[in-house]
Protein backbone atom coordinates (compact mmCIF):
# COMPACT_ATOMS: atom_id res chain seq x y z
CA MET A 1 -0.33 30.13 -2.30
CA THR A 2 3.08 29.41 -3.81
CA SER A 3 4.18 26.01 -5.09
CA LYS A 4 6.66 25.76 -2.21
CA GLN A 5 3.88 26.33 0.33
CA ARG A 6 1.64 23.84 -1.48
CA ALA A 7 4.43 21.23 -1.43
CA TYR A 8 4.94 21.82 2.30
CA LEU A 9 1.21 21.30 2.97
CA LYS A 10 1.17 18.16 0.80
CA GLY A 11 3.98 16.76 2.93
CA LEU A 12 2.03 17.46 6.12
CA ALA A 13 -1.14 15.97 4.64
CA SER A 14 0.55 12.73 3.59
CA THR A 15 0.43 11.47 7.19
CA LEU A 16 -3.19 12.52 7.78
CA ASP A 17 -6.14 10.15 7.62
CA PRO A 18 -9.35 11.35 5.95
CA ILE A 19 -11.77 12.61 8.59
CA PHE A 20 -14.74 13.02 6.23
CA GLN A 21 -16.21 10.84 3.52
CA ILE A 22 -18.35 12.13 0.68
CA GLY A 23 -20.87 9.49 -0.43
CA LYS A 24 -23.59 9.17 -3.03
CA SER A 25 -25.53 12.16 -1.69
CA SER A 26 -22.43 14.25 -2.57
CA VAL A 27 -21.94 17.61 -0.80
CA THR A 28 -24.85 18.27 1.54
CA PRO A 29 -25.31 21.34 3.75
CA GLU A 30 -24.65 19.06 6.75
CA ILE A 31 -21.25 17.92 5.47
CA THR A 32 -20.32 21.51 4.64
CA THR A 33 -21.22 22.60 8.19
CA ALA A 34 -19.25 19.70 9.67
CA ILE A 35 -16.18 20.60 7.60
CA GLU A 36 -16.45 24.25 8.67
CA GLU A 37 -16.58 23.15 12.32
CA ALA A 38 -13.54 20.91 11.80
CA PHE A 39 -11.60 23.96 10.59
CA ASN A 40 -12.09 25.41 14.09
CA ASN A 41 -9.77 22.70 15.45
CA ARG A 42 -7.53 21.97 12.46
CA GLU A 43 -6.03 23.91 9.60
CA LEU A 44 -5.42 20.98 7.25
CA LEU A 45 -8.15 18.45 6.36
CA LYS A 46 -8.17 15.35 4.22
CA ILE A 47 -11.48 14.19 2.74
CA ALA A 48 -12.22 10.90 0.98
CA VAL A 49 -14.69 10.69 -1.89
CA LEU A 50 -16.31 7.26 -1.91
CA LYS A 51 -16.72 5.16 -5.05
CA ASN A 52 -20.51 5.48 -4.95
CA CYS A 53 -20.25 9.27 -5.39
CA MET A 54 -20.78 10.10 -9.05
CA ASP A 55 -19.45 13.68 -8.87
CA ASP A 56 -15.93 14.62 -9.90
CA PRO A 57 -13.62 15.00 -6.86
CA ARG A 58 -12.13 18.20 -8.32
CA LEU A 59 -15.58 19.80 -8.56
CA ILE A 60 -16.39 18.65 -5.03
CA ALA A 61 -13.11 20.17 -3.76
CA GLU A 62 -13.85 23.50 -5.44
CA MET A 63 -17.40 23.54 -4.08
CA ILE A 64 -16.32 22.79 -0.50
CA SER A 65 -13.46 25.29 -0.62
CA GLU A 66 -15.80 28.00 -1.88
CA ARG A 67 -18.38 27.31 0.83
CA THR A 68 -15.85 27.06 3.69
CA HIS A 69 -13.51 29.84 2.45
CA SER A 70 -10.57 27.42 2.39
CA GLN A 71 -7.95 26.55 -0.24
CA VAL A 72 -7.60 23.34 -2.20
CA VAL A 73 -4.09 22.00 -1.65
CA GLN A 74 -4.45 18.92 -3.84
CA VAL A 75 -6.85 16.39 -5.29
CA ILE A 76 -5.33 12.98 -5.93
CA GLY A 77 -7.73 10.34 -7.14
CA LYS A 78 -10.55 10.33 -4.61
CA LYS A 79 -8.66 12.21 -1.86
CA ILE A 80 -9.04 15.94 -1.26
CA VAL A 81 -6.75 18.08 0.92
CA LEU A 82 -7.99 21.48 2.09
CA TYR A 83 -6.20 24.23 4.03
CA LYS A 84 -7.66 27.11 6.00
CA PRO A 85 -5.30 29.07 8.29
CA ASP A 86 -6.50 29.95 11.78
CA LYS A 87 -6.80 33.75 11.85
CA LYS A 88 -6.05 34.19 15.56
CA ASN A 89 -3.59 31.40 16.34
CA PRO A 90 -2.12 29.71 13.23
CA LYS A 91 -0.57 26.30 14.00
CA ILE A 92 0.96 25.74 10.56
CA VAL A 93 3.63 28.24 9.55
CA LEU A 94 4.01 28.28 5.77
CA PRO A 95 7.46 28.80 4.21
CA LYS A 96 7.95 32.12 2.40
């Protein structure tokens, strides 16, 4: 992913609300499954890491992206943005 594409996705993600929250139990198989299912309907997800989670948000982002085969767009503070293009019908068209 180029920096231009990443910047474009960051702009799209700025208006999104987090649809998942990672708490003190960190990344569970259930949350991973729920995020994978969310990628069936969306290509861009924002996830909030709660204050009671002791794990580093960057490590959490890498772990989730590895398990869901998605890409980390950005990690700012306790917010994570992930992108996974729809293989059959992509809704987000990235700039070249």
